[in-house]
Amino acid sequence: MMLEVNKIFAGYQKVKVLHDVTVRVASSEIVCLLGANGAGKSTLLKSISGVISPEKGQIMFGGERIEGKAPNHIVRLGLSQVPEGRQIFPSLSVKQNLLLGTYANRLKTEAQKRRIEEAFGLFPVLKKKFNGKAGSMSGGEQQMLAIGRSLMSSPKMILFDEPSLGLAPLVVRDIFRTIRQLREENMSLMVVEQNAKSTLRIADRAYILETGKVVKEGLAKDFLEDEEVRRRYLGR
């Protein structure tokens, strides 16, 4: 098992958000998290990536306990995140944004070059705009840059927080194709996404969070056929 989140409770100061949450992600698996705004999905990702520390519970990644560890330590273990809203640095160049993804691993120049070439292979537009300001890119290109930056640390697993947010349908299709491709390259992925139907179509398994609790889990293909899930999350 690549990631095991066991009975965690987490929140922000006096605001309790997650209550006894358990999720699993196997090697080379896509798992999606569904739920309304405020259900706790982003809080769960932040707990896994070390942005916040759970109050209780255990998080195992690659056999090592990581709850409460610093984010840079977690990145070095092979877990990276593509945050909601992309959070690129618009005043920096595409090159500089990509190199920020190597910071935790302290990669040498030759290794940095190899990682950059791999990002170019996935997103050729990054090569075209390599020396240009990231802020001049379209929303879709910025999302590609955010994914490319996360890949610079050679992760074993990536957390995606709303990867299709604010993007045109054709760009969304390309982003989901990229997520599938990463899984084919033996990467594990957890995807938080409002576009539930598209996510379930590429995922292996799914969880539904409501008010900070897991209320349903199962195979993604079964969720697509579940009448209650279709009515509440798929617009049918």
Protein backbone atom coordinates (compact mmCIF):
# COMPACT_ATOMS: atom_id res chain seq x y z
CA MET A 1 0.00 0.00 0.00
CA MET A 2 1.46 3.36 -1.01
CA LEU A 3 -0.62 5.59 1.30
CA GLU A 4 -2.58 4.68 4.42
CA VAL A 5 -4.53 7.31 6.31
CA ASN A 6 -5.81 5.76 9.53
CA LYS A 7 -8.55 7.33 11.63
CA ILE A 8 -7.29 10.92 11.47
CA PHE A 9 -8.90 13.93 13.10
CA ALA A 10 -7.75 17.33 11.83
CA GLY A 11 -8.79 20.96 11.54
CA TYR A 12 -7.76 24.55 12.13
CA GLN A 13 -7.37 25.67 15.74
CA LYS A 14 -10.84 25.26 17.28
CA VAL A 15 -12.54 24.31 14.01
CA LYS A 16 -12.71 20.53 13.68
CA VAL A 17 -12.93 19.44 10.03
CA LEU A 18 -11.96 15.76 9.69
CA HIS A 19 -13.45 13.13 11.97
CA ASP A 20 -12.07 9.57 12.06
CA VAL A 21 -11.12 9.53 8.35
CA THR A 22 -9.51 6.43 6.85
CA VAL A 23 -8.46 6.18 3.19
CA ARG A 24 -6.03 3.98 1.24
CA VAL A 25 -4.16 4.35 -2.04
CA ALA A 26 -2.33 1.38 -3.53
CA SER A 27 0.68 1.51 -5.83
CA SER A 28 -0.20 2.62 -9.39
CA GLU A 29 -3.77 3.45 -8.37
CA ILE A 30 -5.98 6.49 -8.95
CA VAL A 31 -8.28 7.27 -6.04
CA CYS A 32 -10.75 10.14 -6.19
CA LEU A 33 -12.31 12.07 -3.32
CA LEU A 34 -15.81 13.39 -3.86
CA GLY A 35 -17.83 15.72 -1.68
CA ALA A 36 -19.46 19.12 -1.51
CA ASN A 37 -17.49 22.28 -0.74
CA GLY A 38 -16.55 22.25 2.92
CA ALA A 39 -16.65 18.46 3.21
CA GLY A 40 -12.98 18.33 4.22
CA LYS A 41 -11.33 17.16 1.01
CA SER A 42 -8.66 19.87 0.86
CA THR A 43 -8.04 19.53 4.60
CA LEU A 44 -7.35 15.85 4.06
CA LEU A 45 -4.80 16.63 1.33
CA LYS A 46 -3.14 19.24 3.53
CA SER A 47 -2.91 16.72 6.37
CA ILE A 48 -1.26 14.17 4.09
CA SER A 49 1.23 16.65 2.59
CA GLY A 50 2.23 18.11 5.95
CA VAL A 51 0.69 21.56 5.60
CA ILE A 52 -1.33 20.87 8.74
CA SER A 53 -0.78 18.28 11.47
CA PRO A 54 -3.60 15.90 12.42
CA GLU A 55 -4.72 15.98 16.03
CA LYS A 56 -5.13 12.20 16.10
CA GLY A 57 -4.53 9.27 13.85
CA GLN A 58 -1.74 7.94 11.70
CA ILE A 59 -0.59 8.57 8.12
CA MET A 60 1.75 6.07 6.49
CA PHE A 61 3.49 6.70 3.18
CA GLY A 62 5.69 4.02 1.67
CA GLY A 63 5.80 2.30 5.05
CA GLU A 64 6.91 5.41 6.99
CA ARG A 65 4.80 7.47 9.38
CA ILE A 66 4.52 11.03 8.09
CA GLU A 67 1.84 12.75 10.17
CA GLY A 68 3.28 15.95 11.59
CA LYS A 69 6.40 15.77 9.40
CA ALA A 70 7.56 18.90 7.54
CA PRO A 71 6.31 19.23 3.94
CA ASN A 72 9.85 19.23 2.52
CA HIS A 73 10.58 15.92 4.29
CA ILE A 74 7.40 14.42 2.81
CA VAL A 75 8.37 15.63 -0.68
CA ARG A 76 11.77 13.97 -0.31
CA LEU A 77 10.01 10.69 0.49
CA GLY A 78 8.23 10.91 -2.88
CA LEU A 79 4.87 12.60 -2.22
CA SER A 80 4.06 15.88 -3.99
CA GLN A 81 0.94 17.98 -4.49
CA VAL A 82 -0.62 20.04 -7.27
CA PRO A 83 -2.53 22.63 -5.20
CA GLU A 84 -5.91 24.14 -5.90
CA GLY A 85 -5.55 27.32 -7.94
CA ARG A 86 -2.15 26.13 -9.24
CA GLN A 87 -0.19 28.57 -7.01
CA ILE A 88 2.55 29.21 -9.53
CA PHE A 89 4.74 32.31 -9.20
CA PRO A 90 3.55 34.60 -12.03
CA SER A 91 6.51 37.00 -11.89
CA LEU A 92 9.01 34.15 -12.28
CA SER A 93 9.82 32.37 -15.53
CA VAL A 94 8.59 28.91 -16.41
CA LYS A 95 12.13 27.67 -15.82
CA GLN A 96 12.30 29.21 -12.35
CA ASN A 97 8.90 27.77 -11.41
CA LEU A 98 10.01 24.30 -12.50
CA LEU A 99 13.28 24.53 -10.60
CA LEU A 100 11.37 25.36 -7.41
CA GLY A 101 10.05 21.81 -7.63
CA THR A 102 13.59 20.51 -7.10
CA TYR A 103 14.24 22.52 -3.94
CA ALA A 104 13.40 19.83 -1.37
CA ASN A 105 15.60 17.25 -3.11
CA ARG A 106 18.56 19.59 -3.68
CA LEU A 107 19.10 18.20 -7.17
CA LYS A 108 22.33 18.86 -9.01
CA THR A 109 22.31 20.60 -12.38
CA GLU A 110 22.38 17.45 -14.53
CA ALA A 111 19.52 15.89 -12.60
CA GLN A 112 17.55 19.14 -12.92
CA LYS A 113 18.04 19.06 -16.68
CA ARG A 114 16.76 15.48 -16.90
CA ARG A 115 13.65 16.35 -14.90
CA ILE A 116 12.99 19.39 -17.10
CA GLU A 117 13.27 17.29 -20.26
CA GLU A 118 10.76 14.84 -18.78
CA ALA A 119 8.36 17.74 -18.11
CA PHE A 120 8.81 18.92 -21.70
CA GLY A 121 7.94 15.44 -22.91
CA LEU A 122 4.65 15.57 -21.05
CA PHE A 123 3.89 19.24 -21.79
CA PRO A 124 5.69 20.57 -24.90
CA VAL A 125 4.26 24.06 -24.29
CA LEU A 126 6.59 24.40 -21.29
CA LYS A 127 9.57 24.17 -23.62
CA LYS A 128 8.12 26.85 -25.90
CA LYS A 129 7.59 29.25 -23.01
CA PHE A 130 10.55 28.17 -20.92
CA ASN A 131 12.07 31.62 -20.46
CA GLY A 132 8.80 33.57 -20.45
CA LYS A 133 6.94 34.77 -17.37
CA ALA A 134 4.57 32.18 -15.94
CA GLY A 135 1.95 34.89 -15.45
CA SER A 136 1.67 35.35 -19.21
CA MET A 137 0.46 31.77 -19.72
CA SER A 138 -3.17 30.71 -20.08
CA GLY A 139 -4.93 28.97 -17.21
CA GLY A 140 -4.47 25.58 -18.83
CA GLU A 141 -0.78 26.20 -19.45
CA GLN A 142 -0.35 27.29 -15.84
CA GLN A 143 -1.96 24.05 -14.69
CA MET A 144 0.48 22.14 -16.88
CA LEU A 145 3.29 24.11 -15.26
CA ALA A 146 1.97 23.25 -11.78
CA ILE A 147 1.92 19.55 -12.68
CA GLY A 148 5.37 19.82 -14.25
CA ARG A 149 6.69 21.48 -11.09
CA SER A 150 5.31 18.65 -8.95
CA LEU A 151 7.04 16.09 -11.19
CA MET A 152 10.43 17.74 -10.72
CA SER A 153 10.85 15.93 -7.39
CA SER A 154 10.34 12.51 -9.07
CA PRO A 155 7.36 11.63 -6.90
CA LYS A 156 5.93 8.18 -6.30
CA MET A 157 2.55 9.78 -5.64
CA ILE A 158 0.83 13.09 -6.47
CA LEU A 159 -2.13 14.72 -4.74
CA PHE A 160 -4.30 16.75 -7.12
CA ASP A 161 -6.59 19.42 -5.64
CA GLU A 162 -9.25 20.49 -8.18
CA PRO A 163 -7.06 20.11 -11.29
CA SER A 164 -9.84 21.11 -13.71
CA LEU A 165 -10.98 24.22 -11.84
CA GLY A 166 -11.64 27.14 -14.19
CA LEU A 167 -10.32 25.38 -17.29
CA ALA A 168 -11.92 24.98 -20.73
CA PRO A 169 -13.36 21.51 -21.54
CA LEU A 170 -10.63 20.64 -24.07
CA VAL A 171 -7.94 21.53 -21.56
CA VAL A 172 -9.70 19.48 -18.88
CA ARG A 173 -9.65 16.49 -21.22
CA ASP A 174 -5.89 16.88 -21.64
CA ILE A 175 -5.33 17.17 -17.88
CA PHE A 176 -7.27 13.97 -17.20
CA ARG A 177 -5.38 12.22 -19.99
CA THR A 178 -2.14 13.27 -18.26
CA ILE A 179 -3.36 11.85 -14.95
CA ARG A 180 -4.11 8.53 -16.64
CA GLN A 181 -0.68 8.55 -18.27
CA LEU A 182 1.04 9.11 -14.92
CA ARG A 183 -0.75 6.08 -13.49
CA GLU A 184 0.45 4.03 -16.48
CA GLU A 185 3.97 5.07 -15.48
CA ASN A 186 3.39 3.37 -12.09
CA MET A 187 2.57 6.49 -10.12
CA SER A 188 -0.12 6.61 -7.44
CA LEU A 189 -2.58 9.51 -7.54
CA MET A 190 -5.25 10.98 -5.31
CA VAL A 191 -7.61 13.42 -7.01
CA VAL A 192 -9.99 15.89 -5.38
CA GLU A 193 -12.32 17.13 -8.10
CA GLN A 194 -15.76 18.72 -8.53
CA ASN A 195 -15.94 17.22 -12.04
CA ALA A 196 -17.03 13.93 -10.50
CA LYS A 197 -18.06 12.07 -13.66
CA SER A 198 -14.77 12.65 -15.49
CA THR A 199 -12.78 11.73 -12.40
CA LEU A 200 -14.67 8.50 -11.75
CA ARG A 201 -14.10 7.46 -15.36
CA ILE A 202 -10.32 7.46 -14.87
CA ALA A 203 -10.20 6.38 -11.20
CA ASP A 204 -9.89 2.89 -9.75
CA ARG A 205 -11.60 3.60 -6.45
CA ALA A 206 -13.46 6.47 -4.79
CA TYR A 207 -14.41 7.90 -1.42
CA ILE A 208 -17.19 10.35 -0.56
CA LEU A 209 -16.66 12.81 2.28
CA GLU A 210 -19.53 14.57 4.03
CA THR A 211 -18.97 16.96 6.93
CA GLY A 212 -15.48 15.57 7.47
CA LYS A 213 -16.39 11.88 7.46
CA VAL A 214 -16.09 9.11 4.89
CA VAL A 215 -19.67 8.07 4.16
CA LYS A 216 -19.08 5.83 1.16
CA GLU A 217 -16.19 4.05 -0.53
CA GLY A 218 -15.88 1.59 -3.36
CA LEU A 219 -14.90 0.95 -6.94
CA ALA A 220 -15.19 3.99 -9.20
CA LYS A 221 -17.10 2.00 -11.82
CA ASP A 222 -19.72 1.11 -9.20
CA PHE A 223 -20.08 4.76 -8.21
CA LEU A 224 -20.91 5.60 -11.83
CA GLU A 225 -23.83 3.16 -11.69
CA ASP A 226 -25.02 4.06 -8.18
CA GLU A 227 -28.30 5.98 -8.39
CA GLU A 228 -27.70 8.01 -5.22
CA VAL A 229 -24.18 8.98 -6.30
CA ARG A 230 -25.47 9.89 -9.78
CA ARG A 231 -28.22 12.04 -8.34
CA ARG A 232 -26.05 13.87 -5.79
CA TYR A 233 -22.70 14.17 -7.54
CA LEU A 234 -23.08 13.48 -11.25
CA GLY A 235 -26.01 15.79 -12.00
CA ARG A 236 -28.46 12.98 -12.70
